Amino acid sequence: MKMKTDIILCGVGGQGILSIATIIGEAAMNENLYIKQAEVHGMSQRGGDVQSNLRISSNPIASDLIPKGGADVIISMEPMEALRYLPFLSKEGWVITSSTPFVNIPNYPDIEKIKADLNGLENVIMLDIEQTAKDNGIPRSANVILLGAAQKALGIEYEKLEEAIRRVFGRKGEAVVEANIKALAIGKKAQK
């Protein structure tokens, strides 16, 4: 089966963007898919914007950069960051984003306007992942809730992401693995 998914991961440093990329990459490699990831920007600065292009395909991938209008999925840990990368989203593309702003600049735009702009899109899932993670006793796994919500849009089988979580977090112990498996399941329930 041929598959190609171009993903933009974005957010703010320290929110777990790299963990999401690692899990997706692990799942894709386990499926013997080709994967390319562009450099992540801003990760050395906690609170700075972070963005990564992740391309997965059953065929070899020439470039690690996603062209404007070419992204199938934007996964964003922060709503303003989701808006920032909309020019890269394809017409049928999905935006899966946190609804909670990370206000790291003095002139942060009006959050209600941001939410209205995002809700105007055809394919959007917006979740309060921070509160959901806290309510479920897994405050450090909010990012994986977002990944669970994005699973169908990514075109990766749910079980493959579960297996990837076990491999990626295995060295951190069973409690960390189980918290992230729980987060993935919570996110999956939010899929459309």
N, C-alpha and C. Protein backbone atom coordinates (compact mmCIF):
# COMPACT_ATOMS: atom_id res chain seq x y z
N MET A 1 0.83 -1.18 0.00
CA MET A 1 0.00 0.00 0.00
C MET A 1 0.88 1.25 0.00
N LYS A 2 0.61 2.16 -0.93
CA LYS A 2 1.39 3.40 -1.01
C LYS A 2 0.85 4.39 0.01
N MET A 3 1.78 5.08 0.65
CA MET A 3 1.38 6.11 1.59
C MET A 3 2.40 7.23 1.60
N LYS A 4 1.90 8.45 1.85
CA LYS A 4 2.75 9.62 2.00
C LYS A 4 2.03 10.58 2.94
N THR A 5 2.70 10.98 3.98
CA THR A 5 2.14 11.94 4.92
C THR A 5 3.20 12.97 5.26
N ASP A 6 2.86 14.23 5.03
CA ASP A 6 3.75 15.33 5.38
C ASP A 6 3.17 16.04 6.60
N ILE A 7 3.99 16.13 7.65
CA ILE A 7 3.53 16.60 8.95
C ILE A 7 4.37 17.79 9.40
N ILE A 8 3.70 18.83 9.86
CA ILE A 8 4.40 19.93 10.53
C ILE A 8 4.07 19.83 12.01
N LEU A 9 5.11 19.75 12.81
CA LEU A 9 4.97 19.72 14.27
C LEU A 9 5.42 21.09 14.77
N CYS A 10 4.61 21.72 15.60
CA CYS A 10 5.01 23.04 16.07
C CYS A 10 4.51 23.29 17.49
N GLY A 11 5.11 24.28 18.10
CA GLY A 11 4.77 24.62 19.47
C GLY A 11 5.84 25.51 20.05
N VAL A 12 6.04 25.34 21.33
CA VAL A 12 6.99 26.16 22.08
C VAL A 12 7.97 25.21 22.76
N GLY A 13 9.23 25.62 22.85
CA GLY A 13 10.26 24.79 23.47
C GLY A 13 9.86 24.28 24.84
N GLY A 14 10.04 22.99 25.06
CA GLY A 14 9.72 22.38 26.34
C GLY A 14 8.34 21.74 26.40
N GLN A 15 7.57 21.80 25.28
CA GLN A 15 6.22 21.24 25.28
C GLN A 15 6.15 19.79 24.81
N GLY A 16 7.24 19.23 24.34
CA GLY A 16 7.23 17.82 23.96
C GLY A 16 7.09 17.55 22.47
N ILE A 17 7.40 18.53 21.64
CA ILE A 17 7.35 18.35 20.18
C ILE A 17 8.31 17.24 19.74
N LEU A 18 9.51 17.25 20.30
CA LEU A 18 10.50 16.23 19.91
C LEU A 18 10.03 14.83 20.26
N SER A 19 9.35 14.68 21.39
CA SER A 19 8.83 13.36 21.77
C SER A 19 7.80 12.86 20.76
N ILE A 20 6.91 13.77 20.31
CA ILE A 20 5.92 13.38 19.31
C ILE A 20 6.63 12.93 18.03
N ALA A 21 7.62 13.72 17.59
CA ALA A 21 8.37 13.37 16.37
C ALA A 21 9.06 12.02 16.51
N THR A 22 9.63 11.77 17.68
CA THR A 22 10.33 10.51 17.93
C THR A 22 9.37 9.32 17.86
N ILE A 23 8.19 9.46 18.46
CA ILE A 23 7.20 8.37 18.45
C ILE A 23 6.73 8.09 17.02
N ILE A 24 6.38 9.16 16.28
CA ILE A 24 5.93 8.98 14.90
C ILE A 24 7.03 8.35 14.06
N GLY A 25 8.25 8.84 14.23
CA GLY A 25 9.39 8.30 13.48
C GLY A 25 9.64 6.83 13.78
N GLU A 26 9.55 6.48 15.04
CA GLU A 26 9.74 5.08 15.46
C GLU A 26 8.67 4.18 14.84
N ALA A 27 7.41 4.64 14.86
CA ALA A 27 6.31 3.86 14.28
C ALA A 27 6.50 3.71 12.77
N ALA A 28 6.92 4.77 12.11
CA ALA A 28 7.12 4.74 10.65
C ALA A 28 8.27 3.82 10.28
N MET A 29 9.38 3.89 11.00
CA MET A 29 10.52 3.03 10.70
C MET A 29 10.18 1.57 10.94
N ASN A 30 9.37 1.29 11.94
CA ASN A 30 8.95 -0.08 12.22
C ASN A 30 8.08 -0.63 11.10
N GLU A 31 7.45 0.24 10.33
CA GLU A 31 6.63 -0.14 9.18
C GLU A 31 7.46 -0.18 7.90
N ASN A 32 8.78 0.01 8.04
CA ASN A 32 9.71 0.06 6.90
C ASN A 32 9.37 1.19 5.93
N LEU A 33 8.89 2.30 6.47
CA LEU A 33 8.61 3.47 5.66
C LEU A 33 9.84 4.37 5.63
N TYR A 34 9.92 5.17 4.62
CA TYR A 34 10.98 6.18 4.55
C TYR A 34 10.55 7.36 5.41
N ILE A 35 11.54 8.00 6.02
CA ILE A 35 11.23 9.15 6.86
C ILE A 35 12.34 10.18 6.72
N LYS A 36 11.92 11.44 6.65
CA LYS A 36 12.88 12.54 6.66
C LYS A 36 12.35 13.58 7.62
N GLN A 37 13.26 14.15 8.40
CA GLN A 37 12.87 15.20 9.34
C GLN A 37 13.80 16.38 9.17
N ALA A 38 13.20 17.55 8.98
CA ALA A 38 13.99 18.78 8.89
C ALA A 38 14.40 19.19 10.29
N GLU A 39 15.41 20.01 10.34
CA GLU A 39 15.92 20.50 11.62
C GLU A 39 14.83 21.16 12.44
N VAL A 40 14.86 20.92 13.72
CA VAL A 40 13.93 21.56 14.64
C VAL A 40 14.55 22.88 15.08
N HIS A 41 13.77 23.94 14.98
CA HIS A 41 14.27 25.27 15.33
C HIS A 41 13.82 25.67 16.73
N GLY A 42 14.69 26.33 17.47
CA GLY A 42 14.30 26.93 18.73
C GLY A 42 14.29 25.99 19.92
N MET A 43 14.67 24.72 19.72
CA MET A 43 14.52 23.78 20.82
C MET A 43 15.46 24.06 21.98
N SER A 44 16.55 24.79 21.72
CA SER A 44 17.48 25.07 22.81
C SER A 44 16.95 26.14 23.75
N GLN A 45 15.90 26.84 23.32
CA GLN A 45 15.35 27.92 24.14
C GLN A 45 13.98 27.53 24.66
N ARG A 46 13.89 27.26 25.94
CA ARG A 46 12.60 26.94 26.53
C ARG A 46 11.70 28.16 26.39
N GLY A 47 10.54 27.97 25.79
CA GLY A 47 9.64 29.09 25.56
C GLY A 47 9.76 29.70 24.18
N GLY A 48 10.79 29.31 23.41
CA GLY A 48 10.93 29.79 22.03
C GLY A 48 10.12 28.91 21.10
N ASP A 49 9.78 29.42 19.90
CA ASP A 49 8.97 28.61 19.00
C ASP A 49 9.80 27.46 18.42
N VAL A 50 9.14 26.31 18.28
CA VAL A 50 9.77 25.10 17.78
C VAL A 50 8.94 24.61 16.60
N GLN A 51 9.62 24.22 15.52
CA GLN A 51 8.92 23.70 14.37
C GLN A 51 9.77 22.62 13.72
N SER A 52 9.10 21.58 13.25
CA SER A 52 9.79 20.49 12.58
C SER A 52 8.94 19.98 11.42
N ASN A 53 9.59 19.71 10.30
CA ASN A 53 8.93 19.05 9.18
C ASN A 53 9.24 17.56 9.27
N LEU A 54 8.21 16.74 9.21
CA LEU A 54 8.38 15.29 9.28
C LEU A 54 7.67 14.71 8.07
N ARG A 55 8.42 14.01 7.23
CA ARG A 55 7.85 13.44 6.02
C ARG A 55 7.99 11.92 6.07
N ILE A 56 6.86 11.24 5.82
CA ILE A 56 6.82 9.78 5.87
C ILE A 56 6.26 9.31 4.54
N SER A 57 6.88 8.27 3.96
CA SER A 57 6.40 7.78 2.67
C SER A 57 6.81 6.33 2.45
N SER A 58 6.03 5.64 1.61
CA SER A 58 6.40 4.28 1.22
C SER A 58 7.45 4.33 0.10
N ASN A 59 7.65 5.51 -0.49
CA ASN A 59 8.67 5.70 -1.52
C ASN A 59 9.77 6.62 -1.00
N PRO A 60 10.97 6.55 -1.60
CA PRO A 60 12.04 7.45 -1.16
C PRO A 60 11.60 8.92 -1.21
N ILE A 61 12.13 9.71 -0.28
CA ILE A 61 11.76 11.12 -0.14
C ILE A 61 12.97 11.97 -0.53
N ALA A 62 12.77 12.88 -1.48
CA ALA A 62 13.89 13.69 -1.97
C ALA A 62 14.27 14.81 -1.00
N SER A 63 13.29 15.55 -0.51
CA SER A 63 13.57 16.72 0.32
C SER A 63 12.98 16.53 1.72
N ASP A 64 13.62 17.12 2.70
CA ASP A 64 13.06 17.04 4.06
C ASP A 64 12.17 18.25 4.37
N LEU A 65 12.02 19.17 3.41
CA LEU A 65 11.18 20.34 3.64
C LEU A 65 9.83 20.19 2.95
N ILE A 66 8.78 20.57 3.64
CA ILE A 66 7.42 20.50 3.12
C ILE A 66 7.12 21.83 2.41
N PRO A 67 6.67 21.77 1.16
CA PRO A 67 6.36 23.02 0.45
C PRO A 67 5.07 23.66 0.96
N LYS A 68 4.89 24.95 0.69
CA LYS A 68 3.63 25.62 1.05
C LYS A 68 2.49 24.88 0.39
N GLY A 69 1.41 24.67 1.15
CA GLY A 69 0.25 23.96 0.63
C GLY A 69 0.43 22.45 0.55
N GLY A 70 1.52 21.94 1.13
CA GLY A 70 1.83 20.52 1.00
C GLY A 70 1.64 19.68 2.25
N ALA A 71 1.41 20.30 3.40
CA ALA A 71 1.31 19.54 4.65
C ALA A 71 -0.06 18.85 4.76
N ASP A 72 -0.03 17.58 5.10
CA ASP A 72 -1.26 16.81 5.32
C ASP A 72 -1.79 17.04 6.73
N VAL A 73 -0.86 17.29 7.66
CA VAL A 73 -1.23 17.42 9.07
C VAL A 73 -0.35 18.49 9.73
N ILE A 74 -0.97 19.34 10.52
CA ILE A 74 -0.23 20.23 11.43
C ILE A 74 -0.62 19.79 12.84
N ILE A 75 0.38 19.39 13.60
CA ILE A 75 0.16 19.05 15.01
C ILE A 75 0.81 20.16 15.81
N SER A 76 -0.01 20.89 16.57
CA SER A 76 0.51 22.06 17.27
C SER A 76 0.18 22.02 18.76
N MET A 77 1.19 22.21 19.57
CA MET A 77 1.03 22.26 21.01
C MET A 77 0.53 23.62 21.47
N GLU A 78 0.33 24.55 20.51
CA GLU A 78 -0.01 25.93 20.87
C GLU A 78 -0.84 26.52 19.73
N PRO A 79 -2.00 27.13 20.02
CA PRO A 79 -2.90 27.56 18.94
C PRO A 79 -2.35 28.63 18.01
N MET A 80 -1.62 29.61 18.51
CA MET A 80 -1.06 30.63 17.63
C MET A 80 -0.04 30.02 16.67
N GLU A 81 0.72 29.05 17.16
CA GLU A 81 1.70 28.38 16.30
C GLU A 81 1.00 27.61 15.18
N ALA A 82 -0.18 27.03 15.46
CA ALA A 82 -0.95 26.34 14.42
C ALA A 82 -1.29 27.33 13.30
N LEU A 83 -1.75 28.53 13.68
CA LEU A 83 -2.09 29.56 12.69
C LEU A 83 -0.86 29.97 11.88
N ARG A 84 0.27 30.06 12.53
CA ARG A 84 1.51 30.50 11.86
C ARG A 84 1.84 29.61 10.67
N TYR A 85 1.53 28.31 10.77
CA TYR A 85 1.93 27.37 9.71
C TYR A 85 0.79 27.00 8.76
N LEU A 86 -0.37 27.68 8.87
CA LEU A 86 -1.49 27.40 7.96
C LEU A 86 -1.13 27.54 6.47
N PRO A 87 -0.25 28.46 6.08
CA PRO A 87 0.09 28.53 4.65
C PRO A 87 0.69 27.21 4.11
N PHE A 88 1.19 26.38 4.98
CA PHE A 88 1.78 25.11 4.56
C PHE A 88 0.75 23.99 4.44
N LEU A 89 -0.45 24.19 4.97
CA LEU A 89 -1.46 23.14 5.02
C LEU A 89 -2.11 22.94 3.65
N SER A 90 -2.28 21.68 3.25
CA SER A 90 -2.98 21.38 2.01
C SER A 90 -4.47 21.66 2.20
N LYS A 91 -5.20 21.75 1.10
CA LYS A 91 -6.64 22.06 1.17
C LYS A 91 -7.41 21.03 1.99
N GLU A 92 -7.01 19.76 1.92
CA GLU A 92 -7.70 18.69 2.67
C GLU A 92 -7.00 18.38 3.99
N GLY A 93 -5.97 19.15 4.32
CA GLY A 93 -5.16 18.86 5.49
C GLY A 93 -5.88 19.05 6.81
N TRP A 94 -5.30 18.45 7.84
CA TRP A 94 -5.85 18.49 9.20
C TRP A 94 -4.98 19.33 10.10
N VAL A 95 -5.62 20.07 11.02
CA VAL A 95 -4.93 20.77 12.10
C VAL A 95 -5.40 20.13 13.40
N ILE A 96 -4.44 19.60 14.16
CA ILE A 96 -4.73 19.06 15.49
C ILE A 96 -3.93 19.91 16.45
N THR A 97 -4.64 20.66 17.30
CA THR A 97 -3.94 21.64 18.14
C THR A 97 -4.48 21.71 19.55
N SER A 98 -3.62 22.14 20.43
CA SER A 98 -4.03 22.49 21.79
C SER A 98 -4.82 23.79 21.71
N SER A 99 -5.81 23.92 22.57
CA SER A 99 -6.60 25.16 22.61
C SER A 99 -6.02 26.15 23.62
N THR A 100 -5.04 25.71 24.39
CA THR A 100 -4.49 26.53 25.47
C THR A 100 -3.28 27.32 24.99
N PRO A 101 -3.32 28.65 25.07
CA PRO A 101 -2.18 29.43 24.62
C PRO A 101 -1.00 29.34 25.58
N PHE A 102 0.18 29.44 25.02
CA PHE A 102 1.41 29.57 25.80
C PHE A 102 1.84 31.02 25.54
N VAL A 103 1.46 31.91 26.43
CA VAL A 103 1.69 33.34 26.21
C VAL A 103 3.14 33.68 26.56
N ASN A 104 3.97 33.71 25.51
CA ASN A 104 5.40 33.93 25.70
C ASN A 104 5.87 35.25 25.08
N ILE A 105 4.91 36.05 24.60
CA ILE A 105 5.25 37.34 24.02
C ILE A 105 4.28 38.39 24.57
N PRO A 106 4.72 39.64 24.72
CA PRO A 106 3.86 40.66 25.32
C PRO A 106 2.63 41.01 24.48
N ASN A 107 2.70 40.86 23.16
CA ASN A 107 1.58 41.23 22.29
C ASN A 107 0.88 39.99 21.73
N TYR A 108 0.71 38.98 22.57
CA TYR A 108 0.05 37.75 22.13
C TYR A 108 -1.35 38.10 21.61
N PRO A 109 -1.71 37.60 20.42
CA PRO A 109 -3.03 37.95 19.84
C PRO A 109 -4.19 37.44 20.70
N ASP A 110 -5.37 37.99 20.45
CA ASP A 110 -6.58 37.62 21.16
C ASP A 110 -6.87 36.13 20.94
N ILE A 111 -6.94 35.35 22.02
CA ILE A 111 -7.12 33.90 21.91
C ILE A 111 -8.47 33.54 21.30
N GLU A 112 -9.50 34.33 21.57
CA GLU A 112 -10.81 34.02 20.98
C GLU A 112 -10.78 34.18 19.46
N LYS A 113 -10.02 35.16 18.97
CA LYS A 113 -9.86 35.36 17.51
C LYS A 113 -9.08 34.18 16.92
N ILE A 114 -8.04 33.74 17.61
CA ILE A 114 -7.26 32.60 17.14
C ILE A 114 -8.15 31.36 17.05
N LYS A 115 -8.92 31.11 18.11
CA LYS A 115 -9.81 29.94 18.12
C LYS A 115 -10.86 30.03 17.02
N ALA A 116 -11.41 31.23 16.79
CA ALA A 116 -12.40 31.41 15.73
C ALA A 116 -11.78 31.11 14.36
N ASP A 117 -10.55 31.60 14.14
CA ASP A 117 -9.86 31.33 12.87
C ASP A 117 -9.64 29.83 12.68
N LEU A 118 -9.22 29.16 13.73
CA LEU A 118 -8.97 27.72 13.64
C LEU A 118 -10.28 26.95 13.45
N ASN A 119 -11.31 27.34 14.17
CA ASN A 119 -12.61 26.66 14.04
C ASN A 119 -13.24 26.88 12.67
N GLY A 120 -12.77 27.89 11.94
CA GLY A 120 -13.25 28.13 10.58
C GLY A 120 -12.70 27.15 9.56
N LEU A 121 -11.72 26.36 9.96
CA LEU A 121 -11.13 25.36 9.06
C LEU A 121 -12.04 24.14 8.97
N GLU A 122 -11.96 23.45 7.85
CA GLU A 122 -12.80 22.28 7.66
C GLU A 122 -12.37 21.10 8.54
N ASN A 123 -11.08 20.85 8.61
CA ASN A 123 -10.56 19.69 9.34
C ASN A 123 -9.70 20.13 10.51
N VAL A 124 -10.34 20.33 11.65
CA VAL A 124 -9.60 20.78 12.83
C VAL A 124 -10.09 20.02 14.06
N ILE A 125 -9.13 19.67 14.91
CA ILE A 125 -9.43 19.13 16.23
C ILE A 125 -8.68 20.03 17.21
N MET A 126 -9.43 20.66 18.11
CA MET A 126 -8.82 21.56 19.09
C MET A 126 -9.20 21.05 20.48
N LEU A 127 -8.18 20.76 21.28
CA LEU A 127 -8.40 20.17 22.60
C LEU A 127 -7.65 20.93 23.68
N ASP A 128 -8.23 20.97 24.87
CA ASP A 128 -7.51 21.51 26.02
C ASP A 128 -6.69 20.36 26.61
N ILE A 129 -5.56 20.09 25.97
CA ILE A 129 -4.76 18.91 26.36
C ILE A 129 -4.14 19.05 27.74
N GLU A 130 -3.80 20.28 28.11
CA GLU A 130 -3.17 20.49 29.43
C GLU A 130 -4.14 20.09 30.55
N GLN A 131 -5.37 20.61 30.47
CA GLN A 131 -6.36 20.32 31.50
C GLN A 131 -6.77 18.84 31.46
N THR A 132 -6.93 18.29 30.26
CA THR A 132 -7.30 16.88 30.12
C THR A 132 -6.22 15.99 30.74
N ALA A 133 -4.97 16.33 30.50
CA ALA A 133 -3.86 15.55 31.07
C ALA A 133 -3.88 15.63 32.59
N LYS A 134 -4.09 16.83 33.14
CA LYS A 134 -4.16 16.99 34.60
C LYS A 134 -5.33 16.21 35.18
N ASP A 135 -6.51 16.34 34.52
CA ASP A 135 -7.72 15.67 35.01
C ASP A 135 -7.56 14.15 35.04
N ASN A 136 -6.69 13.62 34.18
CA ASN A 136 -6.49 12.17 34.08
C ASN A 136 -5.23 11.69 34.80
N GLY A 137 -4.61 12.58 35.57
CA GLY A 137 -3.44 12.20 36.36
C GLY A 137 -2.18 11.95 35.55
N ILE A 138 -2.12 12.51 34.34
CA ILE A 138 -0.94 12.34 33.47
C ILE A 138 -0.45 13.69 32.95
N PRO A 139 -0.14 14.63 33.85
CA PRO A 139 0.17 16.00 33.44
C PRO A 139 1.36 16.14 32.50
N ARG A 140 2.26 15.15 32.51
CA ARG A 140 3.44 15.26 31.64
C ARG A 140 3.22 14.61 30.28
N SER A 141 2.00 14.15 30.00
CA SER A 141 1.73 13.45 28.75
C SER A 141 0.73 14.18 27.85
N ALA A 142 0.58 15.49 28.05
CA ALA A 142 -0.37 16.26 27.24
C ALA A 142 -0.04 16.15 25.75
N ASN A 143 1.26 16.16 25.42
CA ASN A 143 1.65 16.08 24.02
C ASN A 143 1.17 14.78 23.37
N VAL A 144 1.16 13.70 24.11
CA VAL A 144 0.77 12.40 23.54
C VAL A 144 -0.76 12.34 23.38
N ILE A 145 -1.51 13.11 24.16
CA ILE A 145 -2.95 13.23 23.92
C ILE A 145 -3.17 13.81 22.52
N LEU A 146 -2.40 14.83 22.19
CA LEU A 146 -2.49 15.45 20.86
C LEU A 146 -2.13 14.44 19.77
N LEU A 147 -1.10 13.64 20.00
CA LEU A 147 -0.71 12.60 19.05
C LEU A 147 -1.84 11.60 18.84
N GLY A 148 -2.51 11.20 19.91
CA GLY A 148 -3.63 10.28 19.80
C GLY A 148 -4.76 10.85 18.96
N ALA A 149 -5.01 12.15 19.12
CA ALA A 149 -6.05 12.81 18.33
C ALA A 149 -5.67 12.89 16.86
N ALA A 150 -4.38 12.91 16.58
CA ALA A 150 -3.88 13.03 15.20
C ALA A 150 -3.72 11.68 14.51
N GLN A 151 -3.84 10.58 15.23
CA GLN A 151 -3.51 9.24 14.70
C GLN A 151 -4.15 8.96 13.36
N LYS A 152 -5.45 9.15 13.23
CA LYS A 152 -6.14 8.82 11.98
C LYS A 152 -5.62 9.70 10.83
N ALA A 153 -5.42 10.99 11.09
CA ALA A 153 -4.93 11.91 10.06
C ALA A 153 -3.51 11.55 9.62
N LEU A 154 -2.74 10.95 10.52
CA LEU A 154 -1.37 10.56 10.19
C LEU A 154 -1.32 9.34 9.27
N GLY A 155 -2.37 8.51 9.31
CA GLY A 155 -2.37 7.30 8.50
C GLY A 155 -1.51 6.20 9.08
N ILE A 156 -1.23 6.27 10.38
CA ILE A 156 -0.45 5.24 11.06
C ILE A 156 -1.38 4.49 11.99
N GLU A 157 -1.32 3.17 11.94
CA GLU A 157 -2.20 2.36 12.78
C GLU A 157 -1.97 2.69 14.26
N TYR A 158 -3.06 2.73 15.01
CA TYR A 158 -3.02 3.04 16.44
C TYR A 158 -2.04 2.11 17.17
N GLU A 159 -2.11 0.82 16.88
CA GLU A 159 -1.25 -0.17 17.55
C GLU A 159 0.22 0.11 17.29
N LYS A 160 0.54 0.65 16.11
CA LYS A 160 1.94 0.95 15.77
C LYS A 160 2.45 2.11 16.62
N LEU A 161 1.57 3.08 16.89
CA LEU A 161 1.97 4.19 17.76
C LEU A 161 2.14 3.69 19.19
N GLU A 162 1.25 2.81 19.63
CA GLU A 162 1.37 2.21 20.97
C GLU A 162 2.70 1.49 21.13
N GLU A 163 3.05 0.67 20.12
CA GLU A 163 4.33 -0.06 20.16
C GLU A 163 5.51 0.91 20.21
N ALA A 164 5.41 1.99 19.42
CA ALA A 164 6.49 2.99 19.39
C ALA A 164 6.64 3.65 20.76
N ILE A 165 5.53 3.94 21.42
CA ILE A 165 5.58 4.53 22.77
C ILE A 165 6.31 3.57 23.72
N ARG A 166 6.00 2.28 23.62
CA ARG A 166 6.67 1.30 24.50
C ARG A 166 8.19 1.29 24.26
N ARG A 167 8.60 1.40 22.99
CA ARG A 167 10.03 1.39 22.69
C ARG A 167 10.70 2.70 23.10
N VAL A 168 10.05 3.82 22.78
CA VAL A 168 10.65 5.14 23.04
C VAL A 168 10.78 5.41 24.54
N PHE A 169 9.73 5.06 25.31
CA PHE A 169 9.73 5.39 26.74
C PHE A 169 10.09 4.21 27.64
N GLY A 170 10.36 3.05 27.06
CA GLY A 170 10.64 1.84 27.83
C GLY A 170 11.73 2.01 28.89
N ARG A 171 12.79 2.72 28.53
CA ARG A 171 13.91 2.90 29.47
C ARG A 171 13.56 3.80 30.64
N LYS A 172 12.43 4.54 30.52
CA LYS A 172 12.01 5.44 31.61
C LYS A 172 11.12 4.73 32.62
N GLY A 173 10.79 3.48 32.34
CA GLY A 173 10.00 2.70 33.30
C GLY A 173 8.56 2.52 32.88
N GLU A 174 7.92 1.51 33.47
CA GLU A 174 6.56 1.12 33.10
C GLU A 174 5.54 2.22 33.40
N ALA A 175 5.72 2.98 34.48
CA ALA A 175 4.76 4.04 34.82
C ALA A 175 4.71 5.10 33.73
N VAL A 176 5.86 5.48 33.19
CA VAL A 176 5.93 6.48 32.12
C VAL A 176 5.29 5.92 30.85
N VAL A 177 5.60 4.65 30.53
CA VAL A 177 5.01 4.00 29.36
C VAL A 177 3.48 3.99 29.48
N GLU A 178 2.97 3.55 30.63
CA GLU A 178 1.52 3.44 30.82
C GLU A 178 0.84 4.80 30.79
N ALA A 179 1.47 5.84 31.33
CA ALA A 179 0.90 7.19 31.29
C ALA A 179 0.74 7.66 29.85
N ASN A 180 1.74 7.35 29.02
CA ASN A 180 1.69 7.77 27.62
C ASN A 180 0.73 6.92 26.78
N ILE A 181 0.59 5.65 27.11
CA ILE A 181 -0.40 4.79 26.43
C ILE A 181 -1.81 5.31 26.78
N LYS A 182 -2.01 5.68 28.03
CA LYS A 182 -3.30 6.24 28.47
C LYS A 182 -3.57 7.56 27.73
N ALA A 183 -2.56 8.40 27.61
CA ALA A 183 -2.70 9.68 26.90
C ALA A 183 -3.07 9.47 25.44
N LEU A 184 -2.44 8.49 24.80
CA LEU A 184 -2.73 8.18 23.39
C LEU A 184 -4.20 7.77 23.24
N ALA A 185 -4.67 6.93 24.16
CA ALA A 185 -6.07 6.46 24.11
C ALA A 185 -7.06 7.61 24.33
N ILE A 186 -6.74 8.52 25.24
CA ILE A 186 -7.60 9.69 25.49
C ILE A 186 -7.69 10.55 24.22
N GLY A 187 -6.55 10.76 23.59
CA GLY A 187 -6.52 11.55 22.36
C GLY A 187 -7.30 10.89 21.22
N LYS A 188 -7.21 9.57 21.13
CA LYS A 188 -7.91 8.83 20.07
C LYS A 188 -9.43 9.07 20.14
N LYS A 189 -9.95 9.19 21.37
CA LYS A 189 -11.38 9.42 21.55
C LYS A 189 -11.84 10.76 20.99
N ALA A 190 -10.91 11.70 20.79
CA ALA A 190 -11.24 13.03 20.28
C ALA A 190 -11.23 13.08 18.75
N GLN A 191 -10.83 12.00 18.10
CA GLN A 191 -10.76 11.99 16.62
C GLN A 191 -12.13 12.23 16.01
N LYS A 192 -12.12 12.81 14.82
CA LYS A 192 -13.36 13.03 14.07
C LYS A 192 -13.43 12.08 12.90
